[in-house]
Amino acid sequence: MPSASHRHRRARPERRTARASVVSVVALAAVALVVSLVVAFRPDGGSGEPAAAPAVSAKASASPSVSAEPSSASPSPTAGKKKESVSPKPTPSAPSPSTSARPAPRTPAATGSLAGRIRPGASYRGVATSYDIGDGDGACSFGPSSDVMTAAMNTADYETSKACGAYVLVRAGGKSITVRITNECPAPCVAGQLDLSREAFAKLAPLSAGRITVDWSLLSPATSDTVSIRYKTGSSRYWCGIQALGHRNPLARLEVRTGDGSWLSLPRAEYNYFLSEQGTGCGGAIRLTDIYGERLTVEGLAVRAEAVQGTGVQFARR
């Protein structure tokens, strides 16, 4: 019996200890819960460092309404306009070459933008000298002529025959004359200089003057003539040189129609023929463009070397 009682008494402290342990665990859990709630509701998350600003920044960078999103995914109209306004490349709305090449009253082409060094509406000052034109032929390869109101253009303004056939109004000492450019005046002629036929020079000053100061400008004269076409000696359907004669305004381009219907611009030689080295377009349609952008199309002309073939068309007076 005593031993049993002893065993019974010893058992109670163990139960009290277990109960105390349970209470302690519950108390610790409660404290931990309170602490965790306090920590959870603290702005800094319990770390002691600010956390609100980084959280907001991260949300902003991830938000689809912010520009951090790839612009290609959903560009706004404003963003598109900005890119177009600062882009150095032409926009898709820029006019195509074929559109800008068509003559129109208010386009740059209509103001002579296809001109070379000699531009319409501009006045040039230089000196005028004189020379014997002989039979009237010259570097422009127009051939002998009885027309004595002609001039040779200095090499710079001759510009690889771009000046050939141009009409120029020359003024000096209150007098004026009109001459046609048929020749080139090499050095010692300088830029701005005209070497007039003796007959033309004599209308401005005595030949004994030798050298006078003049002002000159491009002219689009009244004329009853129409444009003619001439193929160079040796031309055939395999190679040809084409020349336009009698055009009122200086030529900017001469093109031939190719087999696929497109137009090929031919290079211009210094002796004033447009050359088709491979024979492309020889004997086919020809398109002429003056410095104002006006186009004339001629068809039905055969390759007949040295024959002057009329066209019945002429550029408008400017």
Protein backbone atom coordinates (compact mmCIF):
# COMPACT_ATOMS: atom_id res chain seq x y z
CA MET A 1 0.00 0.00 0.00
CA PRO A 2 2.66 2.55 0.92
CA SER A 3 4.45 1.66 -2.21
CA ALA A 4 1.31 2.19 -4.24
CA SER A 5 0.65 5.51 -2.55
CA HIS A 6 4.17 6.51 -3.27
CA ARG A 7 3.74 5.60 -6.84
CA HIS A 8 0.47 7.60 -6.94
CA ARG A 9 2.08 10.70 -5.40
CA ARG A 10 4.93 10.55 -7.84
CA ALA A 11 2.57 10.39 -10.70
CA ARG A 12 0.91 13.74 -9.94
CA PRO A 13 3.96 15.94 -10.33
CA GLU A 14 4.49 14.40 -13.78
CA ARG A 15 0.94 15.30 -14.78
CA ARG A 16 1.39 18.82 -13.40
CA THR A 17 4.58 19.15 -15.36
CA ALA A 18 2.85 18.01 -18.54
CA ARG A 19 0.01 20.44 -17.95
CA ALA A 20 2.49 23.25 -17.36
CA SER A 21 4.26 22.33 -20.59
CA VAL A 22 1.00 22.52 -22.51
CA VAL A 23 0.23 25.90 -20.99
CA SER A 24 3.72 27.12 -21.84
CA VAL A 25 3.38 25.98 -25.42
CA VAL A 26 0.00 27.70 -25.77
CA ALA A 27 1.41 30.88 -24.27
CA LEU A 28 4.38 30.84 -26.59
CA ALA A 29 2.13 30.22 -29.55
CA ALA A 30 -0.04 33.17 -28.57
CA VAL A 31 2.98 35.39 -28.20
CA ALA A 32 4.29 34.22 -31.54
CA LEU A 33 0.91 34.91 -33.15
CA VAL A 34 0.83 38.42 -31.71
CA VAL A 35 4.38 39.08 -32.86
CA SER A 36 3.66 37.79 -36.34
CA LEU A 37 0.54 39.95 -36.55
CA VAL A 38 2.50 42.99 -35.48
CA VAL A 39 5.21 42.23 -37.97
CA ALA A 40 2.71 41.60 -40.75
CA PHE A 41 1.05 44.95 -40.23
CA ARG A 42 4.31 46.93 -39.98
CA PRO A 43 5.05 49.05 -43.14
CA ASP A 44 8.60 47.79 -43.34
CA GLY A 45 7.63 44.14 -42.99
CA GLY A 46 9.73 43.81 -39.87
CA SER A 47 13.04 44.13 -41.68
CA GLY A 48 13.78 47.62 -40.48
CA GLU A 49 14.27 48.84 -44.08
CA PRO A 50 11.75 50.76 -46.27
CA ALA A 51 9.89 48.35 -48.50
CA ALA A 52 6.91 50.35 -49.76
CA ALA A 53 8.73 52.31 -52.52
CA PRO A 54 10.36 49.27 -54.20
CA ALA A 55 7.02 47.49 -54.13
CA VAL A 56 5.29 50.37 -55.93
CA SER A 57 8.14 50.68 -58.45
CA ALA A 58 7.96 47.01 -59.27
CA LYS A 59 4.25 47.24 -59.88
CA ALA A 60 4.67 50.28 -62.10
CA SER A 61 7.29 48.62 -64.25
CA ALA A 62 5.10 45.59 -64.67
CA SER A 63 1.93 47.52 -65.43
CA PRO A 64 0.83 47.20 -69.11
CA SER A 65 -0.23 50.87 -69.17
CA VAL A 66 3.32 52.12 -68.59
CA SER A 67 5.76 52.78 -71.44
CA ALA A 68 8.10 50.12 -70.12
CA GLU A 69 6.03 47.67 -72.14
CA PRO A 70 7.53 46.96 -75.60
CA SER A 71 6.18 49.71 -77.87
CA SER A 72 5.76 47.26 -80.72
CA ALA A 73 3.14 45.32 -78.74
CA SER A 74 0.59 48.12 -78.52
CA PRO A 75 1.95 51.50 -79.69
CA SER A 76 -0.17 54.47 -78.80
CA PRO A 77 -1.01 57.09 -81.50
CA THR A 78 1.12 59.65 -79.69
CA ALA A 79 4.14 57.34 -79.61
CA GLY A 80 3.73 56.63 -83.32
CA LYS A 81 3.71 60.32 -84.20
CA LYS A 82 6.84 60.90 -82.15
CA LYS A 83 8.71 58.18 -83.99
CA GLU A 84 7.65 59.55 -87.35
CA SER A 85 8.64 63.10 -86.46
CA VAL A 86 12.14 62.23 -85.25
CA SER A 87 12.93 59.47 -87.70
CA PRO A 88 15.62 60.44 -90.26
CA LYS A 89 14.20 57.96 -92.75
CA PRO A 90 11.45 58.87 -95.23
CA THR A 91 7.97 58.03 -94.03
CA PRO A 92 5.68 55.77 -96.05
CA SER A 93 3.58 58.81 -96.93
CA ALA A 94 6.47 60.41 -98.90
CA PRO A 95 5.70 60.68 -102.63
CA SER A 96 7.10 57.90 -104.82
CA PRO A 97 9.70 58.67 -107.54
CA SER A 98 7.16 58.03 -110.28
CA THR A 99 4.75 60.55 -108.71
CA SER A 100 7.34 63.29 -108.20
CA ALA A 101 8.62 62.86 -111.74
CA ARG A 102 5.25 63.76 -113.29
CA PRO A 103 5.05 67.43 -114.28
CA ALA A 104 2.58 69.48 -112.27
CA PRO A 105 2.13 73.26 -112.05
CA ARG A 106 3.14 73.47 -108.39
CA THR A 107 5.70 70.68 -108.04
CA PRO A 108 9.46 71.34 -107.77
CA ALA A 109 9.88 69.88 -111.27
CA ALA A 110 7.67 72.63 -112.69
CA THR A 111 10.10 75.28 -111.36
CA GLY A 112 13.09 73.84 -113.18
CA SER A 113 14.44 71.53 -110.46
CA LEU A 114 15.73 69.18 -113.19
CA ALA A 115 18.05 71.89 -114.47
CA GLY A 116 21.79 71.69 -114.07
CA ARG A 117 24.02 74.69 -113.35
CA ILE A 118 21.96 76.98 -115.58
CA ARG A 119 18.63 77.47 -113.83
CA PRO A 120 15.49 79.26 -115.04
CA GLY A 121 14.77 82.59 -113.37
CA ALA A 122 18.42 83.11 -112.40
CA SER A 123 20.64 85.83 -113.80
CA TYR A 124 24.37 85.28 -114.34
CA ARG A 125 27.14 87.84 -114.73
CA GLY A 126 30.26 87.12 -116.73
CA VAL A 127 32.27 88.27 -119.70
CA ALA A 128 31.56 87.87 -123.38
CA THR A 129 34.16 87.33 -126.10
CA SER A 130 33.74 86.47 -129.77
CA TYR A 131 34.91 83.82 -132.24
CA ASP A 132 34.44 82.80 -135.85
CA ILE A 133 31.78 80.09 -135.91
CA GLY A 134 32.69 78.87 -139.41
CA ASP A 135 29.90 76.68 -140.81
CA GLY A 136 27.96 76.85 -137.52
CA ASP A 137 28.78 73.37 -136.28
CA GLY A 138 30.18 72.84 -132.79
CA ALA A 139 30.60 70.51 -129.82
CA CYS A 140 26.82 70.02 -129.55
CA SER A 141 26.94 68.15 -132.90
CA PHE A 142 23.97 69.98 -134.36
CA GLY A 143 25.76 70.15 -137.69
CA PRO A 144 26.34 73.05 -140.13
CA SER A 145 23.84 75.89 -139.86
CA SER A 146 23.16 79.29 -141.34
CA ASP A 147 22.03 80.55 -137.94
CA VAL A 148 24.66 83.03 -136.77
CA MET A 149 23.01 84.03 -133.47
CA THR A 150 24.80 81.35 -131.50
CA ALA A 151 27.32 81.04 -128.68
CA ALA A 152 29.77 78.65 -127.04
CA MET A 153 29.26 78.00 -123.32
CA ASN A 154 32.19 77.78 -120.90
CA THR A 155 33.05 74.21 -119.85
CA ALA A 156 31.70 74.54 -116.29
CA ASP A 157 28.26 75.72 -117.43
CA TYR A 158 28.32 73.50 -120.53
CA GLU A 159 28.13 70.65 -118.02
CA THR A 160 28.71 67.67 -120.32
CA SER A 161 26.37 69.09 -123.02
CA LYS A 162 23.43 69.89 -120.71
CA ALA A 163 23.55 73.46 -122.05
CA CYS A 164 23.24 72.32 -125.69
CA GLY A 165 20.24 73.82 -127.43
CA ALA A 166 19.48 76.26 -124.60
CA TYR A 167 18.39 79.77 -125.57
CA VAL A 168 20.11 82.53 -123.61
CA LEU A 169 19.19 86.21 -123.31
CA VAL A 170 22.37 88.33 -123.15
CA ARG A 171 22.38 91.97 -121.97
CA ALA A 172 25.11 94.59 -122.04
CA GLY A 173 25.09 98.41 -122.15
CA GLY A 174 21.32 98.67 -122.46
CA LYS A 175 21.23 96.25 -125.42
CA SER A 176 20.10 92.62 -125.52
CA ILE A 177 20.28 89.66 -127.88
CA THR A 178 19.11 86.04 -127.87
CA VAL A 179 21.57 83.29 -128.78
CA ARG A 180 21.39 79.50 -128.90
CA ILE A 181 24.13 77.38 -127.32
CA THR A 182 25.74 75.19 -129.98
CA ASN A 183 29.34 74.87 -128.81
CA GLU A 184 31.67 74.58 -125.83
CA CYS A 185 34.33 77.13 -124.92
CA PRO A 186 37.20 75.39 -123.10
CA ALA A 187 39.90 77.12 -121.03
CA PRO A 188 40.80 79.92 -120.86
CA CYS A 189 37.02 80.50 -120.78
CA VAL A 190 35.89 80.68 -117.17
CA ALA A 191 32.58 80.01 -115.42
CA GLY A 192 29.96 82.54 -116.49
CA GLN A 193 31.71 83.35 -119.76
CA LEU A 194 30.03 83.26 -123.18
CA ASP A 195 31.98 83.11 -126.43
CA LEU A 196 29.57 84.71 -128.88
CA SER A 197 29.58 84.47 -132.64
CA ARG A 198 31.09 87.63 -134.12
CA GLU A 199 27.71 88.57 -135.53
CA ALA A 200 26.06 88.28 -132.12
CA PHE A 201 28.87 90.13 -130.32
CA ALA A 202 28.68 93.00 -132.81
CA LYS A 203 25.07 93.67 -131.80
CA LEU A 204 26.22 94.44 -128.25
CA ALA A 205 29.57 96.17 -128.81
CA PRO A 206 32.20 96.76 -131.50
CA LEU A 207 34.37 93.70 -132.18
CA SER A 208 37.37 95.87 -131.29
CA ALA A 209 36.17 95.88 -127.65
CA GLY A 210 37.30 92.26 -127.52
CA ARG A 211 35.83 91.57 -124.11
CA ILE A 212 32.76 93.02 -122.39
CA THR A 213 30.83 92.42 -119.17
CA VAL A 214 27.39 90.88 -119.68
CA ASP A 215 24.42 89.58 -117.76
CA TRP A 216 22.68 86.54 -119.16
CA SER A 217 19.77 84.26 -118.29
CA LEU A 218 17.90 81.26 -119.64
CA LEU A 219 15.07 81.92 -122.08
CA SER A 220 12.06 79.89 -123.25
CA PRO A 221 11.39 81.55 -126.60
CA ALA A 222 8.42 81.61 -128.93
CA THR A 223 9.01 79.24 -131.84
CA SER A 224 7.04 77.51 -134.56
CA ASP A 225 9.54 74.67 -134.81
CA THR A 226 8.89 71.20 -133.41
CA VAL A 227 11.32 68.67 -131.98
CA SER A 228 13.19 66.32 -134.31
CA ILE A 229 15.09 63.12 -133.59
CA ARG A 230 18.34 61.98 -135.19
CA TYR A 231 20.18 58.66 -134.80
CA LYS A 232 23.96 58.83 -134.87
CA THR A 233 26.09 57.32 -137.61
CA GLY A 234 26.62 53.61 -136.92
CA SER A 235 23.36 53.22 -135.00
CA SER A 236 21.46 49.95 -135.24
CA ARG A 237 19.23 47.84 -133.04
CA TYR A 238 22.38 46.64 -131.23
CA TRP A 239 23.84 50.09 -130.42
CA CYS A 240 22.56 53.57 -130.99
CA GLY A 241 23.10 57.23 -130.21
CA ILE A 242 19.99 59.42 -130.13
CA GLN A 243 19.87 63.20 -130.39
CA ALA A 244 16.97 65.63 -129.99
CA LEU A 245 16.95 68.77 -132.13
CA GLY A 246 14.91 71.97 -132.04
CA HIS A 247 13.66 71.68 -128.45
CA ARG A 248 12.45 74.96 -126.96
CA ASN A 249 13.72 74.24 -123.44
CA PRO A 250 16.92 72.48 -122.36
CA LEU A 251 16.66 68.69 -122.09
CA ALA A 252 16.99 67.00 -118.72
CA ARG A 253 16.50 63.36 -119.81
CA LEU A 254 16.05 61.12 -122.82
CA GLU A 255 14.57 57.69 -122.12
CA VAL A 256 13.77 54.65 -124.25
CA ARG A 257 11.10 52.04 -123.63
CA THR A 258 12.43 48.61 -122.73
CA GLY A 259 11.01 45.20 -123.58
CA ASP A 260 9.04 45.00 -120.32
CA GLY A 261 7.41 48.38 -120.88
CA SER A 262 9.52 50.36 -118.42
CA TRP A 263 11.63 53.40 -119.29
CA LEU A 264 15.43 53.47 -119.33
CA SER A 265 17.24 56.81 -118.98
CA LEU A 266 20.23 56.98 -121.34
CA PRO A 267 23.53 58.64 -120.42
CA ARG A 268 24.40 61.82 -122.29
CA ALA A 269 27.77 62.13 -124.03
CA GLU A 270 29.69 65.42 -124.14
CA TYR A 271 28.97 65.58 -127.88
CA ASN A 272 25.22 65.71 -127.11
CA TYR A 273 24.00 62.22 -128.03
CA PHE A 274 22.22 59.90 -125.62
CA LEU A 275 23.78 56.45 -125.87
CA SER A 276 22.26 52.98 -125.63
CA GLU A 277 25.39 50.84 -125.45
CA GLN A 278 23.51 47.52 -125.44
CA GLY A 279 20.91 48.51 -128.01
CA THR A 280 18.08 48.69 -125.50
CA GLY A 281 15.18 50.67 -126.96
CA CYS A 282 16.91 51.46 -130.26
CA GLY A 283 14.13 52.01 -132.79
CA GLY A 284 11.44 52.01 -130.10
CA ALA A 285 9.50 54.68 -128.23
CA ILE A 286 11.46 57.69 -126.97
CA ARG A 287 10.51 59.95 -124.05
CA LEU A 288 11.97 63.45 -123.68
CA THR A 289 11.85 65.45 -120.44
CA ASP A 290 12.79 69.14 -120.22
CA ILE A 291 14.17 70.90 -117.14
CA TYR A 292 10.63 71.90 -116.10
CA GLY A 293 9.52 68.26 -115.92
CA GLU A 294 7.34 68.25 -119.04
CA ARG A 295 7.44 64.97 -120.98
CA LEU A 296 7.03 64.30 -124.67
CA THR A 297 6.67 60.74 -125.95
CA VAL A 298 7.58 59.89 -129.54
CA GLU A 299 6.83 56.55 -131.19
CA GLY A 300 7.21 54.98 -134.60
CA LEU A 301 10.68 56.28 -135.51
CA ALA A 302 12.94 53.76 -137.21
CA VAL A 303 16.71 53.62 -136.73
CA ARG A 304 17.85 55.70 -139.70
CA ALA A 305 21.36 56.99 -139.09
CA GLU A 306 21.85 60.73 -139.72
CA ALA A 307 18.25 61.21 -140.87
CA VAL A 308 16.41 64.08 -139.15
CA GLN A 309 12.94 62.78 -138.32
CA GLY A 310 10.21 65.19 -137.27
CA THR A 311 7.93 64.50 -134.33
CA GLY A 312 5.30 67.25 -134.51
CA VAL A 313 5.57 67.93 -130.76
CA GLN A 314 7.18 70.73 -128.75
CA PHE A 315 7.67 71.71 -125.12
CA ALA A 316 5.49 74.45 -123.67
CA ARG A 317 6.80 77.99 -123.41
CA ARG A 318 7.80 79.02 -119.89
